[in-house]
Amino acid sequence: MTELVTIPVGDSSIELECNWDVGIGGSLWTSGRLLVDYLSRNGVVRQEIEGTRVLELGSGTGLVGLAVALFGPASVVLTDLETHVAALENNVKRNAGRIPSRTNVTVEALDWNAPKNVGDGVFEWIVGTDIAYSRSFYVPLLNTLTLFGTKKTKIQLGLGRDDTEMQFFKMLQDAGFEYYKISEAFVASEFHGKDFGLFEIRRVYE
């Protein structure tokens, strides 16, 4: 079953085809909308993203990565399992006319259990949403963040409060990262009090 959804991104928008046939990543989830809302409202962050290299982990429909592409980064690499690549490529094509010509958007398969370099392997930004809802993801995800995240990389994740346990954050710190929760004051009131939160993460030591 497929469905076309239009998501506002500041003064623009993106159009996504959601496809449940590819699995849980084929639909839209609150944390993705939350991160897009935050980025759209934060002019400073949008300016910081411009001209940089961005990696999205667990892209699903490509919601966050395609929204970020509207801000004019040099490149955005959308990644997910091989089963999601075709659907992601379709959504990239669907929004090609909305993305600045200076921004290169690509799709690559990436399995956190056997992470490999994607793009040129260097990223100033990493984004992801709903990517730590299972304990089985914690170690592979941390290994992937360690592979791509440097001290200069800014990482922003949207996570469910109910399904992402404190164990993940403890493991994050043990792996050399620090984090803080972004205040609800920076997102629309419709997202206040929800069971989702935004986190900014930085690598402290390598």
N, C-alpha and C. Protein backbone atom coordinates (compact mmCIF):
# COMPACT_ATOMS: atom_id res chain seq x y z
N MET A 1 0.84 -1.19 0.00
CA MET A 1 0.00 0.00 0.00
C MET A 1 0.88 1.25 0.00
N THR A 2 0.62 2.16 -0.92
CA THR A 2 1.39 3.39 -1.00
C THR A 2 0.50 4.61 -0.77
N GLU A 3 1.13 5.69 -0.34
CA GLU A 3 0.41 6.93 -0.06
C GLU A 3 1.36 8.10 -0.31
N LEU A 4 0.87 9.14 -0.97
CA LEU A 4 1.65 10.35 -1.19
C LEU A 4 1.36 11.34 -0.08
N VAL A 5 2.44 11.87 0.53
CA VAL A 5 2.29 12.81 1.64
C VAL A 5 3.17 14.04 1.36
N THR A 6 2.61 15.22 1.56
CA THR A 6 3.37 16.46 1.41
C THR A 6 3.71 17.00 2.79
N ILE A 7 4.99 17.27 3.02
CA ILE A 7 5.46 17.74 4.32
C ILE A 7 6.01 19.16 4.16
N PRO A 8 5.48 20.14 4.90
CA PRO A 8 6.03 21.49 4.81
C PRO A 8 7.43 21.56 5.41
N VAL A 9 8.30 22.30 4.74
CA VAL A 9 9.67 22.52 5.23
C VAL A 9 9.94 24.01 5.10
N GLY A 10 9.70 24.75 6.16
CA GLY A 10 9.82 26.20 6.09
C GLY A 10 8.86 26.76 5.07
N ASP A 11 9.39 27.53 4.10
CA ASP A 11 8.56 28.10 3.06
C ASP A 11 8.38 27.16 1.87
N SER A 12 8.97 25.99 1.94
CA SER A 12 8.89 25.03 0.86
C SER A 12 8.20 23.76 1.36
N SER A 13 8.39 22.67 0.64
CA SER A 13 7.80 21.40 1.06
C SER A 13 8.49 20.27 0.28
N ILE A 14 8.29 19.05 0.75
CA ILE A 14 8.73 17.87 0.02
C ILE A 14 7.54 16.92 -0.10
N GLU A 15 7.57 16.11 -1.13
CA GLU A 15 6.52 15.14 -1.37
C GLU A 15 7.12 13.75 -1.27
N LEU A 16 6.51 12.91 -0.46
CA LEU A 16 7.05 11.58 -0.21
C LEU A 16 6.03 10.50 -0.53
N GLU A 17 6.50 9.45 -1.15
CA GLU A 17 5.68 8.26 -1.32
C GLU A 17 6.00 7.32 -0.17
N CYS A 18 5.01 7.03 0.64
CA CYS A 18 5.18 6.10 1.76
C CYS A 18 4.71 4.72 1.30
N ASN A 19 5.50 3.71 1.60
CA ASN A 19 5.21 2.37 1.12
C ASN A 19 5.44 1.36 2.23
N TRP A 20 4.36 0.88 2.81
CA TRP A 20 4.46 -0.08 3.90
C TRP A 20 5.02 -1.41 3.44
N ASP A 21 5.01 -1.66 2.13
CA ASP A 21 5.49 -2.94 1.62
C ASP A 21 6.98 -3.16 1.91
N VAL A 22 7.75 -2.07 2.09
CA VAL A 22 9.18 -2.24 2.35
C VAL A 22 9.48 -2.42 3.83
N GLY A 23 8.45 -2.31 4.67
CA GLY A 23 8.65 -2.50 6.11
C GLY A 23 8.38 -1.24 6.89
N ILE A 24 8.80 -1.26 8.15
CA ILE A 24 8.49 -0.17 9.08
C ILE A 24 9.07 1.17 8.62
N GLY A 25 10.18 1.12 7.88
CA GLY A 25 10.80 2.35 7.41
C GLY A 25 10.09 2.99 6.25
N GLY A 26 9.05 2.36 5.74
CA GLY A 26 8.36 2.90 4.58
C GLY A 26 7.29 3.91 4.91
N SER A 27 7.15 4.27 6.16
CA SER A 27 6.13 5.24 6.57
C SER A 27 6.79 6.41 7.28
N LEU A 28 5.97 7.38 7.72
CA LEU A 28 6.46 8.56 8.43
C LEU A 28 6.17 8.42 9.91
N TRP A 29 7.12 8.89 10.73
CA TRP A 29 6.99 8.78 12.16
C TRP A 29 7.19 10.15 12.80
N THR A 30 6.64 10.29 13.99
CA THR A 30 6.61 11.60 14.66
C THR A 30 8.00 12.20 14.83
N SER A 31 8.98 11.40 15.19
CA SER A 31 10.31 11.95 15.45
C SER A 31 10.91 12.58 14.19
N GLY A 32 10.59 12.02 13.02
CA GLY A 32 11.06 12.61 11.78
C GLY A 32 10.44 13.97 11.53
N ARG A 33 9.14 14.06 11.72
CA ARG A 33 8.44 15.35 11.57
C ARG A 33 8.97 16.36 12.60
N LEU A 34 9.27 15.86 13.79
CA LEU A 34 9.78 16.72 14.86
C LEU A 34 11.13 17.33 14.48
N LEU A 35 12.04 16.50 13.96
CA LEU A 35 13.36 17.01 13.59
C LEU A 35 13.25 17.98 12.41
N VAL A 36 12.41 17.68 11.45
CA VAL A 36 12.21 18.59 10.32
C VAL A 36 11.65 19.93 10.79
N ASP A 37 10.71 19.88 11.73
CA ASP A 37 10.14 21.12 12.27
C ASP A 37 11.22 21.95 12.96
N TYR A 38 12.04 21.30 13.76
CA TYR A 38 13.12 22.00 14.48
C TYR A 38 14.09 22.64 13.50
N LEU A 39 14.54 21.90 12.52
CA LEU A 39 15.50 22.42 11.56
C LEU A 39 14.91 23.57 10.75
N SER A 40 13.63 23.44 10.40
CA SER A 40 12.98 24.48 9.60
C SER A 40 12.86 25.79 10.36
N ARG A 41 12.72 25.72 11.68
CA ARG A 41 12.55 26.91 12.50
C ARG A 41 13.87 27.53 12.95
N ASN A 42 14.96 26.79 12.81
CA ASN A 42 16.24 27.22 13.37
C ASN A 42 17.14 27.76 12.26
N GLY A 43 17.11 29.07 12.09
CA GLY A 43 17.88 29.71 11.03
C GLY A 43 19.37 29.53 11.19
N VAL A 44 19.85 29.51 12.42
CA VAL A 44 21.29 29.34 12.65
C VAL A 44 21.75 27.97 12.16
N VAL A 45 20.99 26.94 12.51
CA VAL A 45 21.34 25.59 12.09
C VAL A 45 21.27 25.47 10.57
N ARG A 46 20.25 26.05 9.95
CA ARG A 46 20.13 25.98 8.50
C ARG A 46 21.35 26.61 7.83
N GLN A 47 21.82 27.72 8.37
CA GLN A 47 23.00 28.37 7.82
C GLN A 47 24.25 27.50 8.01
N GLU A 48 24.32 26.83 9.15
CA GLU A 48 25.47 25.95 9.41
C GLU A 48 25.48 24.75 8.47
N ILE A 49 24.31 24.29 8.07
CA ILE A 49 24.21 23.14 7.18
C ILE A 49 24.61 23.50 5.75
N GLU A 50 24.37 24.74 5.35
CA GLU A 50 24.64 25.15 3.97
C GLU A 50 26.11 24.88 3.59
N GLY A 51 26.29 24.20 2.48
CA GLY A 51 27.63 23.93 1.97
C GLY A 51 28.35 22.75 2.61
N THR A 52 27.71 22.05 3.53
CA THR A 52 28.36 20.94 4.23
C THR A 52 27.96 19.60 3.63
N ARG A 53 28.57 18.53 4.15
CA ARG A 53 28.25 17.16 3.74
C ARG A 53 27.41 16.52 4.83
N VAL A 54 26.26 15.97 4.44
CA VAL A 54 25.28 15.44 5.41
C VAL A 54 25.03 13.96 5.14
N LEU A 55 24.98 13.19 6.23
CA LEU A 55 24.65 11.77 6.16
C LEU A 55 23.37 11.53 6.95
N GLU A 56 22.40 10.85 6.35
CA GLU A 56 21.22 10.43 7.10
C GLU A 56 21.29 8.92 7.30
N LEU A 57 21.13 8.49 8.54
CA LEU A 57 21.11 7.07 8.87
C LEU A 57 19.67 6.60 9.02
N GLY A 58 19.39 5.41 8.53
CA GLY A 58 18.03 4.88 8.64
C GLY A 58 17.02 5.78 7.98
N SER A 59 17.27 6.14 6.73
CA SER A 59 16.49 7.19 6.06
C SER A 59 15.02 6.85 5.90
N GLY A 60 14.68 5.58 5.72
CA GLY A 60 13.27 5.23 5.53
C GLY A 60 12.74 5.82 4.25
N THR A 61 11.84 6.80 4.37
CA THR A 61 11.29 7.49 3.20
C THR A 61 12.20 8.60 2.69
N GLY A 62 13.20 8.99 3.50
CA GLY A 62 14.07 10.10 3.14
C GLY A 62 13.59 11.43 3.66
N LEU A 63 12.61 11.42 4.56
CA LEU A 63 12.00 12.65 5.05
C LEU A 63 13.03 13.67 5.53
N VAL A 64 13.86 13.31 6.49
CA VAL A 64 14.78 14.27 7.09
C VAL A 64 15.88 14.66 6.10
N GLY A 65 16.46 13.69 5.43
CA GLY A 65 17.53 13.98 4.50
C GLY A 65 17.10 14.89 3.36
N LEU A 66 15.91 14.65 2.82
CA LEU A 66 15.41 15.49 1.73
C LEU A 66 15.05 16.88 2.22
N ALA A 67 14.53 16.97 3.46
CA ALA A 67 14.24 18.29 4.03
C ALA A 67 15.54 19.07 4.20
N VAL A 68 16.59 18.40 4.70
CA VAL A 68 17.89 19.04 4.89
C VAL A 68 18.45 19.49 3.54
N ALA A 69 18.21 18.71 2.49
CA ALA A 69 18.71 19.06 1.17
C ALA A 69 18.19 20.42 0.70
N LEU A 70 17.02 20.82 1.15
CA LEU A 70 16.45 22.11 0.77
C LEU A 70 17.25 23.28 1.33
N PHE A 71 18.07 23.03 2.36
CA PHE A 71 18.84 24.10 2.99
C PHE A 71 20.16 24.39 2.28
N GLY A 72 20.45 23.64 1.20
CA GLY A 72 21.63 23.94 0.40
C GLY A 72 22.95 23.36 0.85
N PRO A 73 22.98 22.16 1.43
CA PRO A 73 24.28 21.55 1.73
C PRO A 73 24.99 21.16 0.44
N ALA A 74 26.28 20.88 0.52
CA ALA A 74 27.00 20.43 -0.68
C ALA A 74 26.49 19.06 -1.12
N SER A 75 26.22 18.19 -0.14
CA SER A 75 25.76 16.84 -0.47
C SER A 75 24.95 16.26 0.67
N VAL A 76 24.05 15.35 0.32
CA VAL A 76 23.30 14.57 1.29
C VAL A 76 23.33 13.12 0.83
N VAL A 77 23.74 12.23 1.71
CA VAL A 77 23.72 10.79 1.41
C VAL A 77 22.64 10.15 2.27
N LEU A 78 21.61 9.63 1.61
CA LEU A 78 20.53 8.93 2.30
C LEU A 78 20.91 7.45 2.37
N THR A 79 20.81 6.85 3.54
CA THR A 79 21.19 5.45 3.68
C THR A 79 20.13 4.64 4.41
N ASP A 80 20.02 3.41 4.01
CA ASP A 80 19.15 2.45 4.70
C ASP A 80 19.51 1.07 4.17
N LEU A 81 18.80 0.06 4.60
CA LEU A 81 19.03 -1.28 4.10
C LEU A 81 18.73 -1.36 2.61
N GLU A 82 19.29 -2.35 1.96
CA GLU A 82 19.12 -2.52 0.51
C GLU A 82 17.64 -2.56 0.12
N THR A 83 16.81 -3.11 0.99
CA THR A 83 15.38 -3.24 0.69
C THR A 83 14.68 -1.89 0.57
N HIS A 84 15.30 -0.82 1.07
CA HIS A 84 14.69 0.51 1.04
C HIS A 84 15.26 1.41 -0.05
N VAL A 85 16.31 0.96 -0.72
CA VAL A 85 17.02 1.83 -1.66
C VAL A 85 16.14 2.30 -2.81
N ALA A 86 15.39 1.39 -3.43
CA ALA A 86 14.56 1.76 -4.59
C ALA A 86 13.52 2.81 -4.21
N ALA A 87 12.86 2.63 -3.06
CA ALA A 87 11.85 3.60 -2.61
C ALA A 87 12.49 4.96 -2.32
N LEU A 88 13.68 4.94 -1.73
CA LEU A 88 14.40 6.19 -1.47
C LEU A 88 14.76 6.90 -2.77
N GLU A 89 15.24 6.15 -3.73
CA GLU A 89 15.61 6.74 -5.02
C GLU A 89 14.39 7.37 -5.69
N ASN A 90 13.24 6.73 -5.57
CA ASN A 90 12.01 7.30 -6.14
C ASN A 90 11.66 8.63 -5.49
N ASN A 91 11.83 8.72 -4.17
CA ASN A 91 11.51 9.97 -3.48
C ASN A 91 12.53 11.06 -3.80
N VAL A 92 13.77 10.67 -4.04
CA VAL A 92 14.77 11.66 -4.46
C VAL A 92 14.37 12.24 -5.82
N LYS A 93 13.99 11.38 -6.76
CA LYS A 93 13.56 11.83 -8.08
C LYS A 93 12.31 12.71 -7.99
N ARG A 94 11.41 12.33 -7.10
CA ARG A 94 10.16 13.07 -6.95
C ARG A 94 10.41 14.51 -6.50
N ASN A 95 11.49 14.72 -5.76
CA ASN A 95 11.75 16.05 -5.19
C ASN A 95 12.94 16.76 -5.84
N ALA A 96 13.44 16.22 -6.94
CA ALA A 96 14.64 16.77 -7.57
C ALA A 96 14.48 18.24 -7.93
N GLY A 97 13.29 18.62 -8.38
CA GLY A 97 13.06 20.01 -8.78
C GLY A 97 13.00 20.99 -7.63
N ARG A 98 12.88 20.50 -6.41
CA ARG A 98 12.79 21.37 -5.24
C ARG A 98 14.15 21.60 -4.58
N ILE A 99 15.11 20.75 -4.91
CA ILE A 99 16.42 20.78 -4.27
C ILE A 99 17.36 21.71 -5.04
N PRO A 100 18.11 22.57 -4.35
CA PRO A 100 19.03 23.48 -5.04
C PRO A 100 20.00 22.71 -5.94
N SER A 101 20.31 23.29 -7.10
CA SER A 101 21.17 22.60 -8.07
C SER A 101 22.56 22.34 -7.52
N ARG A 102 22.98 23.13 -6.54
CA ARG A 102 24.33 22.96 -5.98
C ARG A 102 24.41 21.79 -5.00
N THR A 103 23.26 21.20 -4.66
CA THR A 103 23.22 20.11 -3.67
C THR A 103 23.10 18.77 -4.36
N ASN A 104 24.02 17.87 -4.07
CA ASN A 104 24.03 16.53 -4.65
C ASN A 104 23.42 15.55 -3.66
N VAL A 105 22.33 14.90 -4.04
CA VAL A 105 21.66 13.93 -3.17
C VAL A 105 21.82 12.54 -3.77
N THR A 106 22.34 11.63 -2.96
CA THR A 106 22.54 10.25 -3.41
C THR A 106 21.94 9.29 -2.39
N VAL A 107 21.75 8.06 -2.84
CA VAL A 107 21.21 6.99 -1.99
C VAL A 107 22.19 5.83 -1.99
N GLU A 108 22.50 5.30 -0.81
CA GLU A 108 23.37 4.14 -0.71
C GLU A 108 22.84 3.16 0.34
N ALA A 109 23.01 1.88 0.07
CA ALA A 109 22.66 0.86 1.06
C ALA A 109 23.71 0.87 2.16
N LEU A 110 23.24 0.79 3.40
CA LEU A 110 24.15 0.75 4.54
C LEU A 110 23.56 -0.13 5.62
N ASP A 111 24.27 -1.20 5.95
CA ASP A 111 23.88 -2.12 7.01
C ASP A 111 24.79 -1.84 8.20
N TRP A 112 24.22 -1.41 9.32
CA TRP A 112 25.03 -1.06 10.49
C TRP A 112 25.79 -2.27 11.04
N ASN A 113 25.32 -3.47 10.76
CA ASN A 113 26.01 -4.66 11.25
C ASN A 113 27.32 -4.89 10.50
N ALA A 114 27.46 -4.26 9.34
CA ALA A 114 28.71 -4.34 8.57
C ALA A 114 28.92 -2.99 7.91
N PRO A 115 29.12 -1.94 8.71
CA PRO A 115 29.19 -0.59 8.15
C PRO A 115 30.38 -0.42 7.21
N LYS A 116 30.14 0.32 6.15
CA LYS A 116 31.17 0.60 5.15
C LYS A 116 31.15 2.10 4.88
N ASN A 117 32.19 2.61 4.25
CA ASN A 117 32.20 4.01 3.89
C ASN A 117 31.17 4.28 2.81
N VAL A 118 30.47 5.39 2.95
CA VAL A 118 29.53 5.85 1.93
C VAL A 118 29.90 7.29 1.60
N GLY A 119 29.46 7.76 0.44
CA GLY A 119 29.87 9.08 0.01
C GLY A 119 31.38 9.13 -0.04
N ASP A 120 31.94 10.23 0.47
CA ASP A 120 33.41 10.28 0.57
C ASP A 120 33.89 9.92 1.97
N GLY A 121 32.93 9.47 2.82
CA GLY A 121 33.28 8.99 4.15
C GLY A 121 33.48 10.07 5.18
N VAL A 122 33.34 11.33 4.79
CA VAL A 122 33.55 12.46 5.72
C VAL A 122 32.29 13.30 5.73
N PHE A 123 31.75 13.56 6.94
CA PHE A 123 30.51 14.31 7.05
C PHE A 123 30.59 15.32 8.19
N GLU A 124 30.08 16.52 7.91
CA GLU A 124 29.99 17.53 8.97
C GLU A 124 28.71 17.37 9.79
N TRP A 125 27.70 16.72 9.19
CA TRP A 125 26.42 16.51 9.87
C TRP A 125 25.96 15.06 9.68
N ILE A 126 25.40 14.50 10.76
CA ILE A 126 24.72 13.21 10.70
C ILE A 126 23.34 13.40 11.32
N VAL A 127 22.30 12.95 10.63
CA VAL A 127 20.94 13.04 11.16
C VAL A 127 20.28 11.66 11.10
N GLY A 128 19.32 11.46 11.97
CA GLY A 128 18.58 10.21 11.97
C GLY A 128 17.42 10.27 12.94
N THR A 129 16.37 9.52 12.64
CA THR A 129 15.20 9.51 13.53
C THR A 129 14.68 8.08 13.67
N ASP A 130 14.20 7.77 14.86
CA ASP A 130 13.65 6.44 15.17
C ASP A 130 14.64 5.34 14.78
N ILE A 131 15.90 5.51 15.20
CA ILE A 131 16.91 4.53 14.81
C ILE A 131 17.49 3.77 16.01
N ALA A 132 16.89 3.97 17.18
CA ALA A 132 17.37 3.24 18.37
C ALA A 132 16.19 2.69 19.17
N TYR A 133 15.17 2.21 18.45
CA TYR A 133 13.97 1.73 19.14
C TYR A 133 14.09 0.28 19.60
N SER A 134 15.20 -0.37 19.27
CA SER A 134 15.42 -1.75 19.70
C SER A 134 16.82 -1.88 20.29
N ARG A 135 16.96 -2.61 21.38
CA ARG A 135 18.28 -2.83 21.98
C ARG A 135 19.26 -3.44 20.99
N SER A 136 18.74 -4.24 20.07
CA SER A 136 19.61 -4.91 19.11
C SER A 136 20.30 -3.92 18.17
N PHE A 137 19.79 -2.68 18.12
CA PHE A 137 20.39 -1.66 17.25
C PHE A 137 21.54 -0.92 17.93
N TYR A 138 21.61 -0.97 19.26
CA TYR A 138 22.51 -0.07 19.98
C TYR A 138 23.97 -0.22 19.56
N VAL A 139 24.49 -1.43 19.61
CA VAL A 139 25.91 -1.63 19.27
C VAL A 139 26.18 -1.34 17.80
N PRO A 140 25.39 -1.87 16.85
CA PRO A 140 25.64 -1.55 15.44
C PRO A 140 25.54 -0.05 15.15
N LEU A 141 24.55 0.62 15.75
CA LEU A 141 24.40 2.06 15.52
C LEU A 141 25.60 2.82 16.07
N LEU A 142 26.05 2.48 17.27
CA LEU A 142 27.21 3.15 17.86
C LEU A 142 28.47 2.91 17.03
N ASN A 143 28.62 1.70 16.50
CA ASN A 143 29.76 1.42 15.63
C ASN A 143 29.71 2.29 14.38
N THR A 144 28.51 2.50 13.86
CA THR A 144 28.35 3.32 12.66
C THR A 144 28.61 4.79 12.96
N LEU A 145 28.12 5.27 14.09
CA LEU A 145 28.39 6.66 14.48
C LEU A 145 29.89 6.86 14.72
N THR A 146 30.53 5.86 15.27
CA THR A 146 31.97 5.95 15.51
C THR A 146 32.75 5.98 14.19
N LEU A 147 32.27 5.23 13.20
CA LEU A 147 32.93 5.21 11.89
C LEU A 147 32.86 6.56 11.20
N PHE A 148 31.69 7.22 11.28
CA PHE A 148 31.50 8.45 10.51
C PHE A 148 31.63 9.73 11.34
N GLY A 149 31.48 9.62 12.64
CA GLY A 149 31.47 10.81 13.49
C GLY A 149 32.86 11.19 13.98
N THR A 150 33.27 12.42 13.73
CA THR A 150 34.52 12.95 14.27
C THR A 150 34.19 14.03 15.28
N LYS A 151 35.21 14.64 15.86
CA LYS A 151 34.97 15.72 16.81
C LYS A 151 34.28 16.92 16.15
N LYS A 152 34.40 17.01 14.83
CA LYS A 152 33.82 18.15 14.12
C LYS A 152 32.42 17.86 13.58
N THR A 153 31.98 16.61 13.74
CA THR A 153 30.67 16.22 13.21
C THR A 153 29.56 16.56 14.19
N LYS A 154 28.52 17.22 13.70
CA LYS A 154 27.34 17.48 14.52
C LYS A 154 26.30 16.41 14.22
N ILE A 155 25.81 15.76 15.25
CA ILE A 155 24.86 14.67 15.11
C ILE A 155 23.55 15.07 15.76
N GLN A 156 22.46 14.97 15.03
CA GLN A 156 21.15 15.26 15.59
C GLN A 156 20.22 14.08 15.35
N LEU A 157 19.69 13.55 16.45
CA LEU A 157 18.82 12.38 16.38
C LEU A 157 17.47 12.68 17.01
N GLY A 158 16.42 12.16 16.40
CA GLY A 158 15.09 12.19 16.98
C GLY A 158 14.76 10.79 17.46
N LEU A 159 14.50 10.64 18.76
CA LEU A 159 14.34 9.31 19.35
C LEU A 159 13.07 9.23 20.19
N GLY A 160 12.50 8.04 20.25
CA GLY A 160 11.34 7.82 21.09
C GLY A 160 11.76 7.66 22.54
N ARG A 161 11.08 8.35 23.43
CA ARG A 161 11.43 8.28 24.85
C ARG A 161 11.06 6.94 25.46
N ASP A 162 10.03 6.31 24.93
CA ASP A 162 9.57 5.06 25.49
C ASP A 162 10.38 3.87 25.01
N ASP A 163 10.87 3.94 23.75
CA ASP A 163 11.54 2.76 23.21
C ASP A 163 13.06 2.90 23.10
N THR A 164 13.62 4.05 23.47
CA THR A 164 15.08 4.21 23.53
C THR A 164 15.47 4.29 24.99
N GLU A 165 16.09 3.26 25.50
CA GLU A 165 16.38 3.17 26.93
C GLU A 165 17.62 3.96 27.29
N MET A 166 17.75 4.28 28.58
CA MET A 166 18.92 5.02 29.06
C MET A 166 20.21 4.25 28.79
N GLN A 167 20.10 2.96 28.64
CA GLN A 167 21.28 2.15 28.32
C GLN A 167 21.95 2.65 27.05
N PHE A 168 21.15 3.08 26.08
CA PHE A 168 21.73 3.58 24.83
C PHE A 168 22.58 4.82 25.09
N PHE A 169 22.09 5.72 25.90
CA PHE A 169 22.82 6.96 26.17
C PHE A 169 24.08 6.69 26.99
N LYS A 170 24.01 5.72 27.89
CA LYS A 170 25.20 5.32 28.65
C LYS A 170 26.25 4.74 27.71
N MET A 171 25.82 3.90 26.78
CA MET A 171 26.73 3.33 25.80
C MET A 171 27.30 4.41 24.90
N LEU A 172 26.49 5.41 24.59
CA LEU A 172 26.94 6.53 23.77
C LEU A 172 28.09 7.25 24.46
N GLN A 173 27.93 7.52 25.75
CA GLN A 173 28.99 8.18 26.51
C GLN A 173 30.24 7.31 26.61
N ASP A 174 30.05 6.04 26.85
CA ASP A 174 31.19 5.12 26.95
C ASP A 174 31.96 5.04 25.63
N ALA A 175 31.26 5.29 24.51
CA ALA A 175 31.90 5.23 23.20
C ALA A 175 32.60 6.54 22.84
N GLY A 176 32.55 7.53 23.75
CA GLY A 176 33.27 8.77 23.51
C GLY A 176 32.43 9.93 23.02
N PHE A 177 31.11 9.83 23.20
CA PHE A 177 30.21 10.90 22.76
C PHE A 177 29.58 11.59 23.97
N GLU A 178 29.19 12.84 23.77
CA GLU A 178 28.37 13.54 24.75
C GLU A 178 27.07 13.95 24.07
N TYR A 179 26.04 14.18 24.87
CA TYR A 179 24.75 14.52 24.27
C TYR A 179 23.99 15.47 25.18
N TYR A 180 23.05 16.19 24.57
CA TYR A 180 22.08 16.92 25.39
C TYR A 180 20.76 16.97 24.64
N LYS A 181 19.69 17.10 25.40
CA LYS A 181 18.35 17.12 24.82
C LYS A 181 18.01 18.54 24.39
N ILE A 182 17.51 18.69 23.19
CA ILE A 182 17.10 19.99 22.67
C ILE A 182 15.75 20.36 23.26
N SER A 183 15.63 21.58 23.73
CA SER A 183 14.41 22.04 24.41
C SER A 183 13.20 22.05 23.47
N GLU A 184 12.04 21.72 24.03
CA GLU A 184 10.78 21.79 23.28
C GLU A 184 10.45 23.21 22.85
N ALA A 185 11.08 24.19 23.47
CA ALA A 185 10.82 25.59 23.12
C ALA A 185 11.17 25.89 21.67
N PHE A 186 11.99 25.04 21.06
CA PHE A 186 12.45 25.28 19.69
C PHE A 186 11.61 24.56 18.64
N VAL A 187 10.51 23.92 19.05
CA VAL A 187 9.64 23.22 18.09
C VAL A 187 8.20 23.68 18.28
N ALA A 188 7.36 23.38 17.30
CA ALA A 188 5.96 23.78 17.35
C ALA A 188 5.25 23.17 18.56
N SER A 189 4.25 23.87 19.06
CA SER A 189 3.54 23.43 20.26
C SER A 189 2.88 22.08 20.08
N GLU A 190 2.56 21.72 18.84
CA GLU A 190 1.91 20.42 18.61
C GLU A 190 2.80 19.25 19.00
N PHE A 191 4.11 19.51 19.10
CA PHE A 191 5.05 18.45 19.47
C PHE A 191 5.39 18.46 20.96
N HIS A 192 4.90 19.43 21.71
CA HIS A 192 5.22 19.51 23.13
C HIS A 192 4.57 18.36 23.89
N GLY A 193 5.33 17.79 24.81
CA GLY A 193 4.78 16.74 25.66
C GLY A 193 4.63 15.39 24.99
N LYS A 194 5.15 15.26 23.78
CA LYS A 194 5.06 13.98 23.08
C LYS A 194 6.13 13.02 23.59
N ASP A 195 5.98 11.76 23.23
CA ASP A 195 6.93 10.74 23.69
C ASP A 195 8.14 10.64 22.77
N PHE A 196 8.59 11.78 22.28
CA PHE A 196 9.75 11.84 21.40
C PHE A 196 10.61 13.02 21.80
N GLY A 197 11.90 12.90 21.57
CA GLY A 197 12.80 14.00 21.90
C GLY A 197 13.89 14.13 20.86
N LEU A 198 14.46 15.33 20.78
CA LEU A 198 15.58 15.60 19.88
C LEU A 198 16.86 15.70 20.70
N PHE A 199 17.92 15.11 20.18
CA PHE A 199 19.20 15.09 20.89
C PHE A 199 20.32 15.53 19.97
N GLU A 200 21.17 16.43 20.48
CA GLU A 200 22.38 16.82 19.78
C GLU A 200 23.54 16.06 20.39
N ILE A 201 24.34 15.46 19.54
CA ILE A 201 25.41 14.55 20.00
C ILE A 201 26.72 14.99 19.36
N ARG A 202 27.78 14.95 20.15
CA ARG A 202 29.12 15.27 19.64
C ARG A 202 30.12 14.24 20.16
N ARG A 203 31.10 13.97 19.35
CA ARG A 203 32.16 13.07 19.76
C ARG A 203 33.20 13.84 20.56
N VAL A 204 33.47 13.39 21.76
CA VAL A 204 34.39 14.08 22.65
C VAL A 204 35.82 13.61 22.43
N TYR A 205 36.01 12.32 22.27
CA TYR A 205 37.34 11.78 22.00
C TYR A 205 37.26 10.67 20.98
N GLU A 206 38.38 10.45 20.27
CA GLU A 206 38.42 9.46 19.20
C GLU A 206 39.43 8.37 19.54
